Amino acid sequence: MKNTEKTMEKLVALCKNRGFIYAGSEIYGGLANSWDYGPLGAELKNNVKKAWWKKFVQENPYNVGLDSAILMNPQVWVASGHVTTFNDPLIDCKACKMRHRADKLIEDWLKDNPVEGANVEAMTNDEMVAFIREHNIPCPGCGKSDFTDIRKFNLMFKTHQGVTEDSAS
């Protein structure tokens, strides 16, 4: 285990023991990757939020505060580009079953193996798969280079507003 992982585990354990955070829905079996703030965590979160607001909104003459709804007309998300671009290109190692973001896998590999003209941000999913195969990029977990095709992981939550589910927001 890496030192950073050990440090993060210790930090999370300390925060849980001191009442800063709790696993989300813990008494009902939990929900992966969700956290509830305890009394100290809620205070800390509010202090950070207030400091951020003061620095970037109140002290900046070019910014104004806005607190808008999260649920909006679906056309807002289409117009903003979220519907088409708010996803991660995920790829799985067939050998060890580890899941990776394909773009990050390539970027990390390029740090040690520069390829002239390689621009991950401009690559389509098919081009990323071809690049990974062409350069035999290994899995950071097991070192093998046998990956699935890329699947888009949608980062937006599907929601429904109203009494029927056919009125998505």
N, C-alpha and C. Protein backbone atom coordinates (compact mmCIF):
# COMPACT_ATOMS: atom_id res chain seq x y z
N MET A 1 0.84 -1.18 0.00
CA MET A 1 0.00 0.00 0.00
C MET A 1 0.88 1.24 0.00
N LYS A 2 0.53 2.20 -0.83
CA LYS A 2 1.31 3.43 -0.92
C LYS A 2 1.12 4.27 0.34
N ASN A 3 2.12 5.12 0.62
CA ASN A 3 2.04 5.99 1.79
C ASN A 3 0.84 6.93 1.73
N THR A 4 0.53 7.43 0.52
CA THR A 4 -0.60 8.35 0.40
C THR A 4 -1.91 7.64 0.73
N GLU A 5 -2.02 6.36 0.34
CA GLU A 5 -3.23 5.60 0.66
C GLU A 5 -3.35 5.38 2.16
N LYS A 6 -2.23 5.06 2.81
CA LYS A 6 -2.23 4.88 4.26
C LYS A 6 -2.61 6.18 4.96
N THR A 7 -2.06 7.28 4.48
CA THR A 7 -2.36 8.58 5.07
C THR A 7 -3.83 8.91 4.91
N MET A 8 -4.39 8.64 3.73
CA MET A 8 -5.80 8.92 3.49
C MET A 8 -6.68 8.05 4.38
N GLU A 9 -6.32 6.78 4.55
CA GLU A 9 -7.08 5.90 5.43
C GLU A 9 -7.06 6.41 6.87
N LYS A 10 -5.90 6.88 7.32
CA LYS A 10 -5.78 7.42 8.68
C LYS A 10 -6.61 8.69 8.82
N LEU A 11 -6.58 9.54 7.80
CA LEU A 11 -7.34 10.78 7.84
C LEU A 11 -8.84 10.50 7.90
N VAL A 12 -9.31 9.57 7.07
CA VAL A 12 -10.73 9.21 7.06
C VAL A 12 -11.13 8.62 8.41
N ALA A 13 -10.29 7.73 8.96
CA ALA A 13 -10.58 7.13 10.26
C ALA A 13 -10.66 8.20 11.35
N LEU A 14 -9.75 9.15 11.33
CA LEU A 14 -9.76 10.24 12.31
C LEU A 14 -11.04 11.06 12.19
N CYS A 15 -11.40 11.41 10.95
CA CYS A 15 -12.61 12.21 10.73
C CYS A 15 -13.87 11.47 11.19
N LYS A 16 -13.91 10.15 10.97
CA LYS A 16 -15.06 9.36 11.42
C LYS A 16 -15.11 9.29 12.94
N ASN A 17 -13.96 9.03 13.55
CA ASN A 17 -13.90 8.90 15.02
C ASN A 17 -14.22 10.20 15.73
N ARG A 18 -13.90 11.32 15.13
CA ARG A 18 -14.13 12.62 15.76
C ARG A 18 -15.48 13.23 15.40
N GLY A 19 -16.26 12.53 14.58
CA GLY A 19 -17.59 13.02 14.26
C GLY A 19 -17.66 14.04 13.15
N PHE A 20 -16.61 14.13 12.33
CA PHE A 20 -16.66 15.05 11.19
C PHE A 20 -17.52 14.48 10.07
N ILE A 21 -17.34 13.19 9.78
CA ILE A 21 -18.08 12.54 8.70
C ILE A 21 -18.53 11.16 9.13
N TYR A 22 -19.57 10.70 8.46
CA TYR A 22 -20.08 9.34 8.63
C TYR A 22 -20.40 8.80 7.25
N ALA A 23 -20.29 7.50 7.07
CA ALA A 23 -20.67 6.90 5.79
C ALA A 23 -22.16 7.17 5.56
N GLY A 24 -22.51 7.57 4.35
CA GLY A 24 -23.90 7.88 4.03
C GLY A 24 -24.81 6.68 4.24
N SER A 25 -25.94 6.89 4.86
CA SER A 25 -26.94 5.84 5.11
C SER A 25 -26.35 4.66 5.87
N GLU A 26 -25.38 4.90 6.71
CA GLU A 26 -24.63 3.83 7.38
C GLU A 26 -25.52 2.87 8.16
N ILE A 27 -26.53 3.37 8.86
CA ILE A 27 -27.36 2.47 9.66
C ILE A 27 -28.25 1.57 8.81
N TYR A 28 -28.35 1.85 7.52
CA TYR A 28 -29.12 1.02 6.60
C TYR A 28 -28.22 0.25 5.65
N GLY A 29 -26.97 0.08 6.01
CA GLY A 29 -26.05 -0.68 5.17
C GLY A 29 -25.11 0.18 4.35
N GLY A 30 -25.31 1.48 4.35
CA GLY A 30 -24.40 2.38 3.66
C GLY A 30 -24.70 2.54 2.18
N LEU A 31 -24.07 3.53 1.61
CA LEU A 31 -24.15 3.82 0.18
C LEU A 31 -22.75 4.22 -0.25
N ALA A 32 -22.19 3.48 -1.19
CA ALA A 32 -20.80 3.70 -1.61
C ALA A 32 -20.56 5.14 -2.02
N ASN A 33 -19.42 5.66 -1.60
CA ASN A 33 -18.94 6.98 -2.00
C ASN A 33 -19.85 8.13 -1.59
N SER A 34 -20.62 7.94 -0.53
CA SER A 34 -21.42 9.06 -0.03
C SER A 34 -21.14 9.24 1.46
N TRP A 35 -21.11 10.50 1.87
CA TRP A 35 -20.76 10.83 3.25
C TRP A 35 -21.76 11.82 3.80
N ASP A 36 -22.05 11.67 5.08
CA ASP A 36 -22.86 12.65 5.81
C ASP A 36 -21.92 13.41 6.72
N TYR A 37 -22.20 14.69 6.92
CA TYR A 37 -21.38 15.51 7.79
C TYR A 37 -21.94 15.48 9.21
N GLY A 38 -21.08 15.19 10.17
CA GLY A 38 -21.45 15.26 11.57
C GLY A 38 -21.41 16.71 12.03
N PRO A 39 -21.60 16.95 13.34
CA PRO A 39 -21.62 18.33 13.84
C PRO A 39 -20.36 19.11 13.49
N LEU A 40 -19.19 18.53 13.72
CA LEU A 40 -17.95 19.25 13.41
C LEU A 40 -17.73 19.38 11.91
N GLY A 41 -18.10 18.35 11.17
CA GLY A 41 -17.96 18.39 9.72
C GLY A 41 -18.85 19.44 9.09
N ALA A 42 -20.07 19.57 9.61
CA ALA A 42 -20.99 20.59 9.09
C ALA A 42 -20.44 21.99 9.35
N GLU A 43 -19.87 22.20 10.53
CA GLU A 43 -19.28 23.50 10.84
C GLU A 43 -18.08 23.79 9.94
N LEU A 44 -17.21 22.79 9.76
CA LEU A 44 -16.04 22.96 8.90
C LEU A 44 -16.46 23.26 7.46
N LYS A 45 -17.43 22.49 6.96
CA LYS A 45 -17.92 22.70 5.59
C LYS A 45 -18.48 24.11 5.42
N ASN A 46 -19.27 24.56 6.38
CA ASN A 46 -19.84 25.91 6.30
C ASN A 46 -18.76 26.99 6.36
N ASN A 47 -17.73 26.79 7.18
CA ASN A 47 -16.63 27.76 7.25
C ASN A 47 -15.88 27.84 5.92
N VAL A 48 -15.63 26.69 5.30
CA VAL A 48 -14.94 26.67 4.00
C VAL A 48 -15.81 27.36 2.95
N LYS A 49 -17.10 27.06 2.97
CA LYS A 49 -18.03 27.66 2.01
C LYS A 49 -18.07 29.18 2.17
N LYS A 50 -18.14 29.65 3.43
CA LYS A 50 -18.16 31.10 3.69
C LYS A 50 -16.86 31.77 3.24
N ALA A 51 -15.72 31.13 3.50
CA ALA A 51 -14.43 31.70 3.09
C ALA A 51 -14.33 31.76 1.57
N TRP A 52 -14.79 30.72 0.88
CA TRP A 52 -14.77 30.69 -0.58
C TRP A 52 -15.67 31.80 -1.13
N TRP A 53 -16.87 31.92 -0.59
CA TRP A 53 -17.83 32.92 -1.06
C TRP A 53 -17.27 34.33 -0.88
N LYS A 54 -16.67 34.56 0.28
CA LYS A 54 -16.09 35.88 0.55
C LYS A 54 -14.98 36.21 -0.44
N LYS A 55 -14.07 35.25 -0.66
CA LYS A 55 -12.91 35.47 -1.53
C LYS A 55 -13.31 35.65 -2.99
N PHE A 56 -14.15 34.76 -3.50
CA PHE A 56 -14.42 34.74 -4.93
C PHE A 56 -15.67 35.50 -5.37
N VAL A 57 -16.55 35.83 -4.45
CA VAL A 57 -17.76 36.57 -4.82
C VAL A 57 -17.74 37.98 -4.23
N GLN A 58 -17.65 38.08 -2.92
CA GLN A 58 -17.74 39.39 -2.28
C GLN A 58 -16.53 40.28 -2.54
N GLU A 59 -15.33 39.71 -2.60
CA GLU A 59 -14.12 40.52 -2.79
C GLU A 59 -13.76 40.73 -4.25
N ASN A 60 -14.50 40.13 -5.16
CA ASN A 60 -14.20 40.28 -6.58
C ASN A 60 -15.28 41.13 -7.23
N PRO A 61 -14.92 42.30 -7.75
CA PRO A 61 -15.94 43.19 -8.33
C PRO A 61 -16.55 42.66 -9.63
N TYR A 62 -15.96 41.63 -10.21
CA TYR A 62 -16.45 41.11 -11.49
C TYR A 62 -17.36 39.89 -11.32
N ASN A 63 -17.53 39.42 -10.10
CA ASN A 63 -18.37 38.26 -9.84
C ASN A 63 -19.59 38.66 -9.03
N VAL A 64 -20.68 37.99 -9.30
CA VAL A 64 -21.89 38.17 -8.50
C VAL A 64 -22.37 36.80 -8.05
N GLY A 65 -23.04 36.75 -6.92
CA GLY A 65 -23.55 35.49 -6.40
C GLY A 65 -24.81 35.05 -7.11
N LEU A 66 -24.96 33.75 -7.26
CA LEU A 66 -26.15 33.17 -7.87
C LEU A 66 -26.34 31.79 -7.27
N ASP A 67 -27.53 31.50 -6.84
CA ASP A 67 -27.85 30.19 -6.30
C ASP A 67 -29.06 29.69 -7.05
N SER A 68 -28.82 28.91 -8.10
CA SER A 68 -29.92 28.47 -8.96
C SER A 68 -30.30 27.02 -8.64
N ALA A 69 -31.42 26.61 -9.17
CA ALA A 69 -31.93 25.26 -8.95
C ALA A 69 -31.06 24.22 -9.64
N ILE A 70 -31.03 23.04 -9.09
CA ILE A 70 -30.31 21.93 -9.72
C ILE A 70 -31.21 21.27 -10.76
N LEU A 71 -32.48 21.13 -10.43
CA LEU A 71 -33.44 20.56 -11.38
C LEU A 71 -33.90 21.68 -12.30
N MET A 72 -33.64 21.49 -13.60
CA MET A 72 -33.97 22.52 -14.58
C MET A 72 -34.61 21.87 -15.79
N ASN A 73 -35.14 22.70 -16.66
CA ASN A 73 -35.66 22.22 -17.92
C ASN A 73 -34.54 21.46 -18.64
N PRO A 74 -34.81 20.27 -19.16
CA PRO A 74 -33.76 19.48 -19.82
C PRO A 74 -33.01 20.23 -20.92
N GLN A 75 -33.64 21.21 -21.55
CA GLN A 75 -32.97 21.95 -22.61
C GLN A 75 -31.79 22.77 -22.09
N VAL A 76 -31.81 23.14 -20.80
CA VAL A 76 -30.68 23.86 -20.20
C VAL A 76 -29.44 22.98 -20.26
N TRP A 77 -29.60 21.69 -19.93
CA TRP A 77 -28.47 20.76 -19.91
C TRP A 77 -27.99 20.44 -21.33
N VAL A 78 -28.91 20.45 -22.28
CA VAL A 78 -28.52 20.26 -23.69
C VAL A 78 -27.72 21.47 -24.16
N ALA A 79 -28.23 22.67 -23.91
CA ALA A 79 -27.57 23.90 -24.35
C ALA A 79 -26.20 24.09 -23.71
N SER A 80 -26.04 23.66 -22.47
CA SER A 80 -24.77 23.84 -21.77
C SER A 80 -23.71 22.82 -22.20
N GLY A 81 -24.14 21.80 -22.93
CA GLY A 81 -23.20 20.77 -23.36
C GLY A 81 -23.09 19.60 -22.40
N HIS A 82 -23.78 19.67 -21.28
CA HIS A 82 -23.69 18.59 -20.30
C HIS A 82 -24.17 17.25 -20.85
N VAL A 83 -25.25 17.25 -21.61
CA VAL A 83 -25.84 16.00 -22.10
C VAL A 83 -24.85 15.24 -22.99
N THR A 84 -24.11 15.96 -23.82
CA THR A 84 -23.20 15.28 -24.75
C THR A 84 -21.79 15.08 -24.21
N THR A 85 -21.36 15.92 -23.25
CA THR A 85 -19.95 15.84 -22.84
C THR A 85 -19.72 15.50 -21.38
N PHE A 86 -20.75 15.44 -20.56
CA PHE A 86 -20.55 15.21 -19.13
C PHE A 86 -20.51 13.72 -18.84
N ASN A 87 -19.44 13.08 -19.31
CA ASN A 87 -19.25 11.65 -19.08
C ASN A 87 -17.77 11.34 -19.08
N ASP A 88 -17.42 10.21 -18.49
CA ASP A 88 -16.03 9.76 -18.46
C ASP A 88 -15.88 8.53 -19.33
N PRO A 89 -14.77 8.44 -20.09
CA PRO A 89 -14.52 7.25 -20.90
C PRO A 89 -13.85 6.17 -20.05
N LEU A 90 -14.62 5.16 -19.65
CA LEU A 90 -14.09 4.11 -18.77
C LEU A 90 -13.68 2.89 -19.57
N ILE A 91 -12.60 2.28 -19.10
CA ILE A 91 -12.05 1.09 -19.73
C ILE A 91 -11.67 0.12 -18.62
N ASP A 92 -11.94 -1.16 -18.81
CA ASP A 92 -11.64 -2.17 -17.79
C ASP A 92 -10.50 -3.06 -18.24
N CYS A 93 -9.62 -3.39 -17.30
CA CYS A 93 -8.57 -4.36 -17.56
C CYS A 93 -9.21 -5.75 -17.48
N LYS A 94 -9.08 -6.54 -18.53
CA LYS A 94 -9.68 -7.87 -18.54
C LYS A 94 -8.97 -8.82 -17.58
N ALA A 95 -7.70 -8.56 -17.31
CA ALA A 95 -6.92 -9.45 -16.44
C ALA A 95 -7.25 -9.26 -14.96
N CYS A 96 -7.17 -8.02 -14.48
CA CYS A 96 -7.35 -7.79 -13.03
C CYS A 96 -8.68 -7.12 -12.69
N LYS A 97 -9.47 -6.78 -13.72
CA LYS A 97 -10.79 -6.17 -13.55
C LYS A 97 -10.77 -4.74 -13.02
N MET A 98 -9.59 -4.11 -12.96
CA MET A 98 -9.52 -2.71 -12.52
C MET A 98 -10.14 -1.81 -13.59
N ARG A 99 -10.84 -0.79 -13.15
CA ARG A 99 -11.46 0.16 -14.07
C ARG A 99 -10.65 1.44 -14.07
N HIS A 100 -10.45 2.01 -15.25
CA HIS A 100 -9.65 3.22 -15.42
C HIS A 100 -10.38 4.18 -16.34
N ARG A 101 -10.09 5.47 -16.16
CA ARG A 101 -10.49 6.45 -17.16
C ARG A 101 -9.46 6.35 -18.28
N ALA A 102 -9.92 6.09 -19.48
CA ALA A 102 -9.01 5.89 -20.61
C ALA A 102 -8.13 7.11 -20.85
N ASP A 103 -8.70 8.31 -20.77
CA ASP A 103 -7.92 9.52 -21.01
C ASP A 103 -6.82 9.68 -19.96
N LYS A 104 -7.12 9.38 -18.70
CA LYS A 104 -6.11 9.50 -17.63
C LYS A 104 -5.05 8.42 -17.77
N LEU A 105 -5.45 7.23 -18.21
CA LEU A 105 -4.50 6.14 -18.43
C LEU A 105 -3.46 6.56 -19.47
N ILE A 106 -3.94 7.16 -20.55
CA ILE A 106 -3.04 7.63 -21.62
C ILE A 106 -2.18 8.79 -21.13
N GLU A 107 -2.80 9.77 -20.46
CA GLU A 107 -2.05 10.93 -19.96
C GLU A 107 -0.93 10.51 -19.01
N ASP A 108 -1.24 9.59 -18.10
CA ASP A 108 -0.23 9.12 -17.15
C ASP A 108 0.91 8.40 -17.87
N TRP A 109 0.56 7.61 -18.89
CA TRP A 109 1.57 6.88 -19.66
C TRP A 109 2.44 7.86 -20.46
N LEU A 110 1.81 8.91 -21.01
CA LEU A 110 2.55 9.89 -21.82
C LEU A 110 3.57 10.68 -21.00
N LYS A 111 3.37 10.80 -19.69
CA LYS A 111 4.33 11.52 -18.84
C LYS A 111 5.71 10.87 -18.92
N ASP A 112 5.74 9.55 -19.00
CA ASP A 112 7.01 8.82 -19.06
C ASP A 112 7.38 8.40 -20.48
N ASN A 113 6.43 8.48 -21.40
CA ASN A 113 6.65 8.03 -22.77
C ASN A 113 6.08 9.04 -23.76
N PRO A 114 6.72 10.20 -23.89
CA PRO A 114 6.16 11.25 -24.76
C PRO A 114 6.02 10.79 -26.21
N VAL A 115 4.89 11.12 -26.81
CA VAL A 115 4.64 10.82 -28.21
C VAL A 115 4.31 12.15 -28.88
N GLU A 116 5.10 12.50 -29.88
CA GLU A 116 4.93 13.79 -30.55
C GLU A 116 3.54 13.88 -31.17
N GLY A 117 2.86 14.99 -30.89
CA GLY A 117 1.55 15.24 -31.48
C GLY A 117 0.39 14.57 -30.75
N ALA A 118 0.66 13.82 -29.70
CA ALA A 118 -0.42 13.15 -28.98
C ALA A 118 -1.20 14.17 -28.16
N ASN A 119 -2.49 14.26 -28.43
CA ASN A 119 -3.36 15.20 -27.72
C ASN A 119 -4.60 14.44 -27.26
N VAL A 120 -4.57 13.99 -26.02
CA VAL A 120 -5.65 13.15 -25.50
C VAL A 120 -6.99 13.87 -25.53
N GLU A 121 -6.99 15.17 -25.23
CA GLU A 121 -8.24 15.92 -25.20
C GLU A 121 -8.94 15.95 -26.55
N ALA A 122 -8.19 15.81 -27.63
CA ALA A 122 -8.78 15.85 -28.96
C ALA A 122 -9.18 14.47 -29.47
N MET A 123 -8.83 13.42 -28.72
CA MET A 123 -9.11 12.05 -29.18
C MET A 123 -10.56 11.65 -28.93
N THR A 124 -11.11 10.93 -29.90
CA THR A 124 -12.42 10.31 -29.70
C THR A 124 -12.20 9.03 -28.90
N ASN A 125 -13.27 8.40 -28.46
CA ASN A 125 -13.14 7.15 -27.72
C ASN A 125 -12.46 6.08 -28.57
N ASP A 126 -12.82 5.98 -29.85
CA ASP A 126 -12.19 5.00 -30.73
C ASP A 126 -10.70 5.27 -30.89
N GLU A 127 -10.33 6.55 -30.99
CA GLU A 127 -8.92 6.91 -31.12
C GLU A 127 -8.15 6.58 -29.84
N MET A 128 -8.79 6.75 -28.68
CA MET A 128 -8.12 6.39 -27.42
C MET A 128 -7.87 4.89 -27.34
N VAL A 129 -8.86 4.09 -27.72
CA VAL A 129 -8.69 2.63 -27.71
C VAL A 129 -7.57 2.24 -28.66
N ALA A 130 -7.56 2.83 -29.85
CA ALA A 130 -6.51 2.52 -30.83
C ALA A 130 -5.14 2.92 -30.30
N PHE A 131 -5.03 4.07 -29.63
CA PHE A 131 -3.77 4.55 -29.07
C PHE A 131 -3.28 3.59 -27.99
N ILE A 132 -4.18 3.17 -27.11
CA ILE A 132 -3.81 2.24 -26.03
C ILE A 132 -3.29 0.94 -26.61
N ARG A 133 -3.96 0.43 -27.63
CA ARG A 133 -3.54 -0.84 -28.25
C ARG A 133 -2.25 -0.68 -29.05
N GLU A 134 -2.15 0.41 -29.81
CA GLU A 134 -0.96 0.65 -30.63
C GLU A 134 0.30 0.77 -29.78
N HIS A 135 0.18 1.44 -28.63
CA HIS A 135 1.34 1.66 -27.77
C HIS A 135 1.45 0.65 -26.64
N ASN A 136 0.53 -0.33 -26.66
CA ASN A 136 0.57 -1.41 -25.67
C ASN A 136 0.66 -0.87 -24.24
N ILE A 137 -0.18 0.11 -23.94
CA ILE A 137 -0.17 0.75 -22.62
C ILE A 137 -0.62 -0.27 -21.57
N PRO A 138 0.18 -0.46 -20.52
CA PRO A 138 -0.17 -1.47 -19.51
C PRO A 138 -1.13 -0.95 -18.45
N CYS A 139 -1.82 -1.87 -17.84
CA CYS A 139 -2.69 -1.56 -16.70
C CYS A 139 -1.81 -1.23 -15.50
N PRO A 140 -2.06 -0.12 -14.82
CA PRO A 140 -1.26 0.23 -13.64
C PRO A 140 -1.40 -0.80 -12.52
N GLY A 141 -2.49 -1.56 -12.53
CA GLY A 141 -2.72 -2.54 -11.48
C GLY A 141 -1.95 -3.83 -11.64
N CYS A 142 -1.96 -4.37 -12.87
CA CYS A 142 -1.35 -5.69 -13.06
C CYS A 142 -0.25 -5.71 -14.12
N GLY A 143 -0.13 -4.64 -14.90
CA GLY A 143 0.92 -4.57 -15.90
C GLY A 143 0.57 -5.18 -17.24
N LYS A 144 -0.60 -5.80 -17.35
CA LYS A 144 -1.01 -6.39 -18.63
C LYS A 144 -1.68 -5.33 -19.49
N SER A 145 -1.77 -5.61 -20.78
CA SER A 145 -2.39 -4.66 -21.69
C SER A 145 -3.52 -5.33 -22.44
N ASP A 146 -4.58 -5.65 -21.72
CA ASP A 146 -5.74 -6.31 -22.31
C ASP A 146 -6.99 -5.62 -21.75
N PHE A 147 -7.50 -4.66 -22.51
CA PHE A 147 -8.59 -3.83 -22.03
C PHE A 147 -9.87 -4.04 -22.83
N THR A 148 -10.99 -3.74 -22.21
CA THR A 148 -12.27 -3.73 -22.91
C THR A 148 -12.34 -2.47 -23.78
N ASP A 149 -13.36 -2.39 -24.59
CA ASP A 149 -13.62 -1.15 -25.31
C ASP A 149 -14.09 -0.10 -24.29
N ILE A 150 -14.02 1.14 -24.68
CA ILE A 150 -14.44 2.23 -23.80
C ILE A 150 -15.96 2.28 -23.70
N ARG A 151 -16.41 2.51 -22.48
CA ARG A 151 -17.83 2.75 -22.24
C ARG A 151 -17.96 4.13 -21.61
N LYS A 152 -18.99 4.84 -22.00
CA LYS A 152 -19.22 6.16 -21.43
C LYS A 152 -19.91 6.01 -20.08
N PHE A 153 -19.33 6.63 -19.05
CA PHE A 153 -19.94 6.66 -17.74
C PHE A 153 -20.60 8.02 -17.59
N ASN A 154 -21.92 8.04 -17.61
CA ASN A 154 -22.68 9.28 -17.54
C ASN A 154 -22.58 9.85 -16.13
N LEU A 155 -22.09 11.08 -16.01
CA LEU A 155 -21.91 11.72 -14.71
C LEU A 155 -23.14 12.50 -14.25
N MET A 156 -24.19 12.48 -15.07
CA MET A 156 -25.42 13.18 -14.68
C MET A 156 -26.42 12.17 -14.12
N PHE A 157 -27.15 12.59 -13.12
CA PHE A 157 -28.17 11.75 -12.52
C PHE A 157 -29.47 11.91 -13.29
N LYS A 158 -30.11 10.79 -13.59
CA LYS A 158 -31.42 10.85 -14.22
C LYS A 158 -32.44 11.13 -13.11
N THR A 159 -33.24 12.14 -13.31
CA THR A 159 -34.25 12.50 -12.32
C THR A 159 -35.60 12.66 -12.99
N HIS A 160 -36.61 12.62 -12.18
CA HIS A 160 -37.97 12.82 -12.66
C HIS A 160 -38.62 13.85 -11.76
N GLN A 161 -39.39 14.73 -12.35
CA GLN A 161 -40.08 15.74 -11.58
C GLN A 161 -41.55 15.69 -11.95
N GLY A 162 -42.39 15.65 -10.99
CA GLY A 162 -43.81 15.54 -11.25
C GLY A 162 -44.33 14.19 -10.80
N VAL A 163 -45.58 13.92 -11.09
CA VAL A 163 -46.20 12.70 -10.59
C VAL A 163 -45.92 11.48 -11.45
N THR A 164 -45.46 11.68 -12.69
CA THR A 164 -45.15 10.54 -13.55
C THR A 164 -43.68 10.58 -13.94
N GLU A 165 -43.14 9.39 -14.22
CA GLU A 165 -41.72 9.31 -14.57
C GLU A 165 -41.42 9.77 -15.98
N ASP A 166 -42.41 9.95 -16.82
CA ASP A 166 -42.13 10.35 -18.20
C ASP A 166 -41.83 11.83 -18.34
N SER A 167 -41.84 12.57 -17.24
CA SER A 167 -41.48 13.99 -17.28
C SER A 167 -40.10 14.17 -16.67
N ALA A 168 -39.06 13.73 -17.40
CA ALA A 168 -37.69 13.77 -16.89
C ALA A 168 -37.18 15.20 -16.81
N SER A 169 -36.29 15.44 -15.82
CA SER A 169 -35.64 16.75 -15.73
C SER A 169 -34.16 16.58 -15.76
